[in-house]
Every structure is written in structure tokens, then in C-alpha cells.
């Protein structure tokens, strides 16, 4: 199934155009149905400027990037703590960093979840 980001519905895989709104799926077609990128202004094969409207795919969320970085940072800190805690005295500073990273992870994760609803 393809997802139309313009009308927010799933469509069959073989559909070139969304039957609900007429958008194309992340591509643009000229009247001769030549395939073009969603950012094309002119057809790359015939030069036509009469191109279909591509669906409105949302840009990648900056929040997801921050969330992924926070998650990775948390994993690194926890791994460091688990690997080296038996060899070294447990540092309160390291524990504070782990708690801080986990808090950032939880805050960004919950705000990202709320923004999707």
C-alpha cells in the first residue's frame, strides 16, 4: 500500500495518482506520463512544464534527530557505566550524567509522541 500524505489515506501499490485528491506519490508526471522527481519544474524527457502535483510528504522532524541523538548518548553513557563500574570506583558525576541523559531522552521522547497526535 502507498500512503498519500496529502489526503492521509492508503492507496493500492499500482496507483500512479491518488484517487482521492489527484496527487502523485513522491513523483511528478508530465501529460505524457514521463516520471520526474518531486522537485522538478520541467519534464526531463520532453521539457513540459505541465507537471502533476506531488503529495505533500512531511520533512524529517528535527525532534526525531534530537531524540535519536539523546538515545544514543544515553546508551553510550549506560554502556560506559556498566563496563567500567567494576574496574573503577563509581563516580557520582558519572551517575549524574546518566540521570541527566535519561531525563533528556524521556522529555524529548514524550514531547515527540505528543506532537504526533
C-alpha atoms as a PDB file:
ATOM      1  CA  UNK A   1       0.000   0.000   0.000  1.00  0.00           C
ATOM      2  CA  UNK A   2       1.106   3.545  -0.759  1.00  0.00           C
ATOM      3  CA  UNK A   3       0.301   6.373   1.609  1.00  0.00           C
ATOM      4  CA  UNK A   4      -0.917   9.722   0.273  1.00  0.00           C
ATOM      5  CA  UNK A   5       0.410  12.453   2.547  1.00  0.00           C
ATOM      6  CA  UNK A   6      -1.983  14.996   1.034  1.00  0.00           C
ATOM      7  CA  UNK A   7      -5.280  13.297   1.872  1.00  0.00           C
ATOM      8  CA  UNK A   8      -3.805  10.978   4.533  1.00  0.00           C
ATOM      9  CA  UNK A   9      -5.131   7.709   3.078  1.00  0.00           C
ATOM     10  CA  UNK A  10      -3.593   4.437   1.951  1.00  0.00           C
ATOM     11  CA  UNK A  11      -3.876   3.583  -1.734  1.00  0.00           C
ATOM     12  CA  UNK A  12      -3.079   0.476  -3.833  1.00  0.00           C
ATOM     13  CA  UNK A  13       0.573  -0.091  -4.787  1.00  0.00           C
ATOM     14  CA  UNK A  14      -0.163   0.109  -8.526  1.00  0.00           C
ATOM     15  CA  UNK A  15      -1.803   3.577  -8.338  1.00  0.00           C
ATOM     16  CA  UNK A  16       0.111   6.397 -10.055  1.00  0.00           C
ATOM     17  CA  UNK A  17      -2.336   9.040  -8.844  1.00  0.00           C
ATOM     18  CA  UNK A  18      -4.294   9.221  -5.609  1.00  0.00           C
ATOM     19  CA  UNK A  19      -7.973   8.694  -6.472  1.00  0.00           C
ATOM     20  CA  UNK A  20      -8.978  10.916  -3.538  1.00  0.00           C
ATOM     21  CA  UNK A  21      -7.002  14.084  -4.274  1.00  0.00           C
ATOM     22  CA  UNK A  22      -5.204  13.513  -7.596  1.00  0.00           C
ATOM     23  CA  UNK A  23      -1.697  13.859  -6.141  1.00  0.00           C
ATOM     24  CA  UNK A  24       1.110  11.616  -7.289  1.00  0.00           C
ATOM     25  CA  UNK A  25       3.185   9.573  -4.875  1.00  0.00           C
ATOM     26  CA  UNK A  26       6.515  11.358  -4.324  1.00  0.00           C
ATOM     27  CA  UNK A  27       6.997  11.914  -8.089  1.00  0.00           C
ATOM     28  CA  UNK A  28       5.693  14.271 -10.763  1.00  0.00           C
ATOM     29  CA  UNK A  29       4.334  13.259 -14.177  1.00  0.00           C
ATOM     30  CA  UNK A  30       4.012  15.298 -17.357  1.00  0.00           C
ATOM     31  CA  UNK A  31       0.922  14.821 -19.609  1.00  0.00           C
ATOM     32  CA  UNK A  32       2.833  12.018 -21.396  1.00  0.00           C
ATOM     33  CA  UNK A  33       3.362  10.270 -18.007  1.00  0.00           C
ATOM     34  CA  UNK A  34       7.143  10.698 -18.011  1.00  0.00           C
ATOM     35  CA  UNK A  35       8.488  10.147 -14.497  1.00  0.00           C
ATOM     36  CA  UNK A  36      10.135  13.168 -12.798  1.00  0.00           C
ATOM     37  CA  UNK A  37      11.434  13.973  -9.315  1.00  0.00           C
ATOM     38  CA  UNK A  38       9.047  15.720  -6.896  1.00  0.00           C
ATOM     39  CA  UNK A  39      11.119  18.919  -7.124  1.00  0.00           C
ATOM     40  CA  UNK A  40      11.270  19.059 -10.941  1.00  0.00           C
ATOM     41  CA  UNK A  41       9.939  22.197 -12.622  1.00  0.00           C
ATOM     42  CA  UNK A  42      10.127  20.737 -16.153  1.00  0.00           C
ATOM     43  CA  UNK A  43       9.909  17.207 -17.518  1.00  0.00           C
ATOM     44  CA  UNK A  44      13.363  15.717 -18.033  1.00  0.00           C
ATOM     45  CA  UNK A  45      12.270  13.863 -21.187  1.00  0.00           C
ATOM     46  CA  UNK A  46      10.007  16.254 -23.104  1.00  0.00           C
ATOM     47  CA  UNK A  47      10.562  19.605 -21.343  1.00  0.00           C
ATOM     48  CA  UNK A  48       6.901  20.147 -20.462  1.00  0.00           C
ATOM     49  CA  UNK A  49       6.228  22.498 -17.565  1.00  0.00           C
ATOM     50  CA  UNK A  50       2.765  20.979 -17.032  1.00  0.00           C
ATOM     51  CA  UNK A  51       3.622  18.565 -14.221  1.00  0.00           C
ATOM     52  CA  UNK A  52       1.363  16.832 -11.727  1.00  0.00           C
ATOM     53  CA  UNK A  53       1.356  17.838  -8.082  1.00  0.00           C
ATOM     54  CA  UNK A  54       3.379  15.518  -5.860  1.00  0.00           C
ATOM     55  CA  UNK A  55       1.886  14.656  -2.483  1.00  0.00           C
ATOM     56  CA  UNK A  56       2.997  16.775   0.449  1.00  0.00           C
ATOM     57  CA  UNK A  57       5.478  14.486   2.184  1.00  0.00           C
ATOM     58  CA  UNK A  58       6.342  15.958   5.588  1.00  0.00           C
ATOM     59  CA  UNK A  59      10.000  16.910   6.127  1.00  0.00           C
ATOM     60  CA  UNK A  60      12.058  14.856   8.547  1.00  0.00           C
ATOM     61  CA  UNK A  61      11.415  16.100  12.020  1.00  0.00           C
ATOM     62  CA  UNK A  62      14.240  17.850  13.828  1.00  0.00           C
ATOM     63  CA  UNK A  63      12.757  16.438  17.002  1.00  0.00           C
ATOM     64  CA  UNK A  64      13.409  12.890  15.771  1.00  0.00           C
ATOM     65  CA  UNK A  65      17.071  13.742  15.178  1.00  0.00           C
ATOM     66  CA  UNK A  66      17.389  15.177  18.675  1.00  0.00           C
ATOM     67  CA  UNK A  67      15.566  12.160  20.092  1.00  0.00           C
ATOM     68  CA  UNK A  68      17.929   9.763  18.291  1.00  0.00           C
ATOM     69  CA  UNK A  69      20.999  11.666  19.491  1.00  0.00           C
ATOM     70  CA  UNK A  70      19.719  11.674  23.073  1.00  0.00           C
ATOM     71  CA  UNK A  71      19.006   7.951  22.875  1.00  0.00           C
ATOM     72  CA  UNK A  72      22.465   7.228  21.505  1.00  0.00           C
ATOM     73  CA  UNK A  73      24.122   9.376  24.134  1.00  0.00           C
ATOM     74  CA  UNK A  74      22.164   7.589  26.863  1.00  0.00           C
ATOM     75  CA  UNK A  75      23.167   4.184  25.536  1.00  0.00           C
ATOM     76  CA  UNK A  76      26.819   5.224  25.435  1.00  0.00           C
ATOM     77  CA  UNK A  77      26.757   6.515  28.994  1.00  0.00           C
ATOM     78  CA  UNK A  78      24.980   3.451  30.357  1.00  0.00           C
ATOM     79  CA  UNK A  79      27.390   1.183  28.481  1.00  0.00           C
ATOM     80  CA  UNK A  80      30.362   3.069  29.891  1.00  0.00           C
ATOM     81  CA  UNK A  81      28.913   2.853  33.380  1.00  0.00           C
ATOM     82  CA  UNK A  82      28.227  -0.885  33.123  1.00  0.00           C
ATOM     83  CA  UNK A  83      31.565  -1.769  31.523  1.00  0.00           C
ATOM     84  CA  UNK A  84      33.847   0.259  33.756  1.00  0.00           C
ATOM     85  CA  UNK A  85      31.941   0.277  37.041  1.00  0.00           C
ATOM     86  CA  UNK A  86      33.527  -2.995  38.138  1.00  0.00           C
ATOM     87  CA  UNK A  87      37.027  -1.665  37.399  1.00  0.00           C
ATOM     88  CA  UNK A  88      36.692   1.791  38.878  1.00  0.00           C
ATOM     89  CA  UNK A  89      35.001   3.358  41.846  1.00  0.00           C
ATOM     90  CA  UNK A  90      31.535   4.536  40.929  1.00  0.00           C
ATOM     91  CA  UNK A  91      31.692   8.218  40.291  1.00  0.00           C
ATOM     92  CA  UNK A  92      28.751  10.399  41.400  1.00  0.00           C
ATOM     93  CA  UNK A  93      29.493  12.661  38.438  1.00  0.00           C
ATOM     94  CA  UNK A  94      29.048   9.760  36.010  1.00  0.00           C
ATOM     95  CA  UNK A  95      25.802   8.746  37.689  1.00  0.00           C
ATOM     96  CA  UNK A  96      24.584  12.347  37.425  1.00  0.00           C
ATOM     97  CA  UNK A  97      25.386  12.363  33.693  1.00  0.00           C
ATOM     98  CA  UNK A  98      23.430   9.132  33.181  1.00  0.00           C
ATOM     99  CA  UNK A  99      20.416  10.534  35.026  1.00  0.00           C
ATOM    100  CA  UNK A 100      20.623  13.764  33.003  1.00  0.00           C
ATOM    101  CA  UNK A 101      20.850  11.869  29.704  1.00  0.00           C
ATOM    102  CA  UNK A 102      17.929   9.626  30.658  1.00  0.00           C
ATOM    103  CA  UNK A 103      15.878  12.729  31.562  1.00  0.00           C
ATOM    104  CA  UNK A 104      16.623  14.359  28.209  1.00  0.00           C
ATOM    105  CA  UNK A 105      15.695  11.091  26.482  1.00  0.00           C
ATOM    106  CA  UNK A 106      12.377  10.938  28.372  1.00  0.00           C
ATOM    107  CA  UNK A 107      11.496  14.612  27.803  1.00  0.00           C
ATOM    108  CA  UNK A 108      12.203  14.586  24.067  1.00  0.00           C
ATOM    109  CA  UNK A 109      10.569  11.196  23.639  1.00  0.00           C
ATOM    110  CA  UNK A 110       7.353  12.251  25.341  1.00  0.00           C
ATOM    111  CA  UNK A 111       7.141  15.607  23.514  1.00  0.00           C
ATOM    112  CA  UNK A 112       7.729  13.874  20.168  1.00  0.00           C
ATOM    113  CA  UNK A 113       4.951  11.410  20.959  1.00  0.00           C
ATOM    114  CA  UNK A 114       2.523  14.215  21.845  1.00  0.00           C
ATOM    115  CA  UNK A 115       3.260  16.094  18.599  1.00  0.00           C
ATOM    116  CA  UNK A 116       2.158  13.115  16.503  1.00  0.00           C
ATOM    117  CA  UNK A 117      -1.402  13.081  17.904  1.00  0.00           C
END
